[in-house]
Protein backbone atom coordinates (compact mmCIF):
# COMPACT_ATOMS: atom_id res chain seq x y z
CA UNK A 1 -0.13 -0.19 -0.14
CA UNK A 2 2.90 2.31 0.80
CA UNK A 3 5.47 0.97 -1.37
CA UNK A 4 5.70 3.82 -3.58
CA UNK A 5 7.16 5.75 -0.56
CA UNK A 6 10.07 3.31 -0.22
CA UNK A 7 10.72 3.35 -3.98
CA UNK A 8 10.53 7.21 -3.97
CA UNK A 9 13.07 7.20 -1.09
CA UNK A 10 15.52 4.80 -2.56
CA UNK A 11 15.12 5.94 -6.28
CA UNK A 12 14.87 9.68 -5.77
CA UNK A 13 15.66 10.96 -2.31
CA UNK A 14 18.80 8.71 -1.44
CA UNK A 15 20.52 8.53 -4.87
CA UNK A 16 19.45 9.89 -8.25
CA UNK A 17 18.69 6.76 -10.24
CA UNK A 18 18.72 6.00 -14.00
CA UNK A 19 18.22 2.70 -16.00
CA UNK A 20 21.93 2.17 -16.30
CA UNK A 21 22.47 2.80 -12.46
CA UNK A 22 19.54 0.65 -11.49
CA UNK A 23 20.98 -2.27 -13.69
CA UNK A 24 24.20 -2.05 -11.93
CA UNK A 25 22.80 -1.75 -8.45
CA UNK A 26 20.41 -4.83 -9.35
CA UNK A 27 23.34 -6.85 -10.71
CA UNK A 28 25.50 -6.34 -7.67
CA UNK A 29 22.60 -7.25 -5.43
CA UNK A 30 21.90 -10.16 -7.29
CA UNK A 31 25.51 -11.39 -6.96
CA UNK A 32 25.64 -10.72 -3.32
CA UNK A 33 22.30 -12.21 -2.34
CA UNK A 34 23.22 -15.56 -4.46
CA UNK A 35 26.59 -15.58 -2.55
CA UNK A 36 24.78 -15.20 0.87
CA UNK A 37 22.29 -17.98 -0.07
CA UNK A 38 25.04 -20.42 -1.07
CA UNK A 39 26.70 -20.20 2.48
CA UNK A 40 23.24 -19.87 4.25
CA UNK A 41 23.84 -16.26 5.45
CA UNK A 42 20.58 -14.36 6.14
CA UNK A 43 20.64 -10.98 4.41
CA UNK A 44 18.09 -8.50 3.68
CA UNK A 45 17.54 -7.63 -0.01
CA UNK A 46 16.59 -4.11 0.93
CA UNK A 47 19.69 -3.42 2.81
CA UNK A 48 21.77 -4.95 -0.15
CA UNK A 49 20.21 -2.79 -2.77
CA UNK A 50 20.59 0.21 -0.58
CA UNK A 51 24.17 -0.59 -0.33
CA UNK A 52 24.49 -0.81 -4.19
CA UNK A 53 22.73 2.52 -4.62
CA UNK A 54 25.19 4.12 -2.12
CA UNK A 55 28.06 2.70 -4.10
CA UNK A 56 26.65 4.26 -7.17
CA UNK A 57 26.18 7.61 -5.55
CA UNK A 58 29.78 7.54 -4.12
CA UNK A 59 31.08 7.29 -7.75
CA UNK A 60 29.08 10.31 -8.94
CA UNK A 61 31.81 12.86 -7.72
CA UNK A 62 34.98 12.39 -5.99
CA UNK A 63 33.45 14.38 -3.18
CA UNK A 64 30.83 11.61 -2.87
CA UNK A 65 27.96 14.18 -2.79
CA UNK A 66 25.80 11.96 -4.97
CA UNK A 67 24.50 10.51 -1.71
CA UNK A 68 21.93 12.01 0.66
CA UNK A 69 23.87 10.94 3.60
CA UNK A 70 21.42 12.52 6.23
CA UNK A 71 18.87 10.24 4.71
CA UNK A 72 21.13 7.24 4.83
CA UNK A 73 21.93 7.74 8.48
CA UNK A 74 17.88 8.10 9.07
CA UNK A 75 17.45 4.70 7.18
CA UNK A 76 20.31 3.02 9.14
CA UNK A 77 18.82 3.92 12.43
CA UNK A 78 15.47 2.73 11.06
CA UNK A 79 16.89 -0.64 10.44
CA UNK A 80 18.39 -0.86 13.96
CA UNK A 81 15.11 0.54 15.50
CA UNK A 82 13.07 -1.86 13.74
CA UNK A 83 15.35 -4.93 14.70
CA UNK A 84 15.03 -3.88 18.33
CA UNK A 85 11.46 -2.83 18.45
CA UNK A 86 10.35 -6.09 16.55
CA UNK A 87 12.42 -8.14 19.09
CA UNK A 88 10.73 -6.41 22.01
CA UNK A 89 7.11 -6.60 20.46
CA UNK A 90 7.56 -10.17 19.53
CA UNK A 91 8.81 -11.00 23.15
CA UNK A 92 5.71 -9.03 24.59
CA UNK A 93 3.22 -10.93 22.44
CA UNK A 94 4.92 -14.20 22.83
CA UNK A 95 5.03 -13.80 26.71
CA UNK A 96 1.23 -12.94 26.74
CA UNK A 97 0.49 -16.45 25.53
CA UNK A 98 3.38 -18.40 27.41
CA UNK A 99 3.03 -16.79 30.60
CA UNK A 100 -0.54 -15.65 30.76
CA UNK A 101 -3.11 -17.45 32.83
CA UNK A 102 -4.68 -20.39 31.60
CA UNK A 103 -7.21 -22.90 32.91
CA UNK A 104 -5.10 -25.90 31.78
CA UNK A 105 -1.94 -24.48 33.33
CA UNK A 106 -3.60 -23.56 36.62
CA UNK A 107 -5.18 -26.91 36.78
CA UNK A 108 -1.68 -28.30 36.60
CA UNK A 109 -0.21 -26.11 39.01
CA UNK A 110 -2.99 -26.72 41.65
CA UNK A 111 -2.66 -30.49 41.10
CA UNK A 112 1.18 -30.26 41.68
CA UNK A 113 0.70 -28.19 44.80
CA UNK A 114 -1.84 -30.84 46.25
CA UNK A 115 0.63 -33.53 45.59
CA UNK A 116 3.37 -31.85 47.08
CA UNK A 117 1.14 -30.72 50.22
CA UNK A 118 0.08 -34.44 50.67
CA UNK A 119 3.63 -35.80 50.16
CA UNK A 120 5.41 -33.30 52.60
CA UNK A 121 2.68 -33.66 55.17
CA UNK A 122 2.53 -37.53 55.18
CA UNK A 123 6.36 -37.57 55.58
CA UNK A 124 6.42 -35.09 58.52
CA UNK A 125 3.44 -37.01 60.12
CA UNK A 126 5.32 -40.43 59.65
CA UNK A 127 8.56 -38.98 61.15
CA UNK A 128 7.06 -37.12 64.15
CA UNK A 129 5.21 -40.43 65.04
CA UNK A 130 8.25 -42.38 64.89
CA UNK A 131 10.42 -39.82 66.78
CA UNK A 132 10.04 -41.28 70.22
CA UNK A 133 11.43 -40.09 73.61
CA UNK A 134 10.65 -38.66 76.96
CA UNK A 135 11.39 -35.08 78.11
CA UNK A 136 13.79 -35.48 81.13
CA UNK A 137 12.39 -34.91 84.52
CA UNK A 138 15.30 -32.38 85.99
CA UNK A 139 14.55 -29.11 87.45
CA UNK A 140 15.43 -27.14 84.37
CA UNK A 141 12.38 -28.60 82.66
CA UNK A 142 8.70 -27.25 83.58
CA UNK A 143 7.08 -29.62 86.02
CA UNK A 144 4.03 -30.00 83.84
CA UNK A 145 5.98 -31.68 81.14
CA UNK A 146 8.56 -33.50 83.11
CA UNK A 147 8.84 -37.27 81.95
CA UNK A 148 6.30 -36.60 79.24
CA UNK A 149 6.51 -37.91 75.70
CA UNK A 150 7.74 -35.44 73.07
CA UNK A 151 4.52 -35.02 71.26
CA UNK A 152 2.12 -35.69 73.99
CA UNK A 153 0.92 -32.20 74.46
CA UNK A 154 1.01 -28.83 72.92
CA UNK A 155 3.52 -27.57 75.81
CA UNK A 156 5.91 -30.75 75.24
CA UNK A 157 6.09 -29.87 71.72
CA UNK A 158 6.71 -26.12 72.25
CA UNK A 159 9.58 -27.04 74.84
CA UNK A 160 11.15 -29.39 72.09
CA UNK A 161 10.82 -26.76 69.37
CA UNK A 162 12.18 -23.79 71.43
CA UNK A 163 15.71 -25.46 71.27
CA UNK A 164 16.91 -27.57 68.34
CA UNK A 165 19.28 -29.36 70.65
CA UNK A 166 16.47 -30.78 72.65
CA UNK A 167 14.52 -33.92 72.46
CA UNK A 168 16.74 -36.26 70.35
CA UNK A 169 14.82 -39.12 68.58
CA UNK A 170 15.59 -42.15 70.36
CA UNK A 171 12.60 -44.50 69.49
CA UNK A 172 13.59 -47.91 67.88
CA UNK A 173 10.70 -48.03 65.48
CA UNK A 174 11.21 -51.23 63.37
CA UNK A 175 10.84 -49.11 60.14
CA UNK A 176 13.59 -46.71 61.19
CA UNK A 177 17.02 -47.28 59.79
CA UNK A 178 18.81 -44.63 61.78
CA UNK A 179 18.14 -41.21 63.26
CA UNK A 180 21.70 -40.32 62.72
CA UNK A 181 22.05 -38.47 59.45
CA UNK A 182 25.55 -38.46 57.70
CA UNK A 183 26.91 -35.15 56.80
CA UNK A 184 27.28 -34.43 53.18
CA UNK A 185 30.65 -32.76 53.73
CA UNK A 186 33.82 -34.66 54.42
CA UNK A 187 35.26 -34.18 57.90
CA UNK A 188 32.04 -33.05 59.49
CA UNK A 189 30.25 -35.18 62.19
CA UNK A 190 26.84 -36.77 61.48
CA UNK A 191 23.70 -35.28 62.89
CA UNK A 192 21.10 -36.66 65.21
CA UNK A 193 17.77 -35.68 64.12
CA UNK A 194 15.70 -33.98 67.02
CA UNK A 195 11.87 -33.76 67.65
CA UNK A 196 12.23 -29.88 67.59
CA UNK A 197 13.71 -29.84 63.95
CA UNK A 198 10.73 -31.81 63.02
CA UNK A 199 8.40 -29.52 64.69
CA UNK A 200 10.05 -26.59 63.05
CA UNK A 201 9.57 -28.01 59.65
CA UNK A 202 6.09 -28.73 60.27
CA UNK A 203 5.35 -25.34 61.25
CA UNK A 204 7.21 -24.20 58.01
CA UNK A 205 5.06 -26.50 56.16
CA UNK A 206 1.94 -25.11 57.50
CA UNK A 207 3.00 -21.67 56.88
CA UNK A 208 3.67 -22.34 53.21
CA UNK A 209 0.39 -23.76 52.60
CA UNK A 210 -1.55 -21.35 54.58
CA UNK A 211 -2.75 -19.17 51.64
CA UNK A 212 -4.88 -17.00 53.94
CA UNK A 213 -1.73 -15.49 55.45
CA UNK A 214 0.87 -16.07 52.70
CA UNK A 215 -1.38 -15.05 49.72
CA UNK A 216 0.07 -17.68 47.20
CA UNK A 217 2.41 -20.53 47.62
CA UNK A 218 6.10 -19.65 47.00
CA UNK A 219 7.48 -22.16 44.68
CA UNK A 220 11.00 -21.66 45.93
CA UNK A 221 10.01 -22.08 49.59
CA UNK A 222 7.86 -25.15 48.63
CA UNK A 223 10.95 -26.81 46.76
CA UNK A 224 13.26 -25.90 49.72
CA UNK A 225 11.13 -27.77 52.38
CA UNK A 226 10.51 -30.64 50.14
CA UNK A 227 14.19 -31.12 49.65
CA UNK A 228 14.77 -30.90 53.39
CA UNK A 229 11.96 -33.15 54.33
CA UNK A 230 12.56 -35.68 51.53
CA UNK A 231 16.25 -36.04 52.12
CA UNK A 232 15.82 -36.48 55.96
CA UNK A 233 13.15 -39.18 55.47
CA UNK A 234 15.34 -41.04 52.75
CA UNK A 235 18.11 -41.26 55.42
CA UNK A 236 15.87 -42.14 58.28
CA UNK A 237 13.90 -45.06 56.87
CA UNK A 238 14.99 -48.05 55.24
CA UNK A 239 14.29 -49.06 51.80
CA UNK A 240 11.49 -51.51 53.31
CA UNK A 241 9.77 -48.64 54.87
CA UNK A 242 6.27 -48.05 53.43
């Protein structure tokens, strides 16, 4: 529709063209495009023919006044601007389709979150149920929870969770391989799992899936606690564990 403007710009405003000049420019452009096609190089025919016209204009006088250099600069920045603008516009339009909300994608995310919530919760419940032990009865412990099982009451759980060095798991559940987890780093001692650690992980788990307070589930925090719980679960239980 507006092709005549491009023809007028290249054939009149940029360089004064004649049939012989046009033939030379077309011949040079044909050779360059054929060579580029042979080697699989992506070139623009408009840019190639523009370069041919500039070469003709430069030969008009020794001062190279046959080229409208101001128009050429504008054309050059138009090429660069079109490349950048096209990339940005394409990325914007493509991102709308890829990252925009969709019913299918949301169903997948919600299903994934439900599965993760069930898996993490089930592993934590199993570990807390297997982590047996009794709170010591010395004077440093509140009287109400002396000689009470770790998970017997809210007060006992709070006391264990208040200090990660308290309440080591000592129960000999037949499904438990060992409560001592080896360190992944050479030279560091193994770690004995405490009930307070499991209680802390359980609270983090409840906080992550409490969308009323957190607004939405943070995927980074979800994967972090899943790795923590699953690696601990894998070391604690034998392969025969259900």
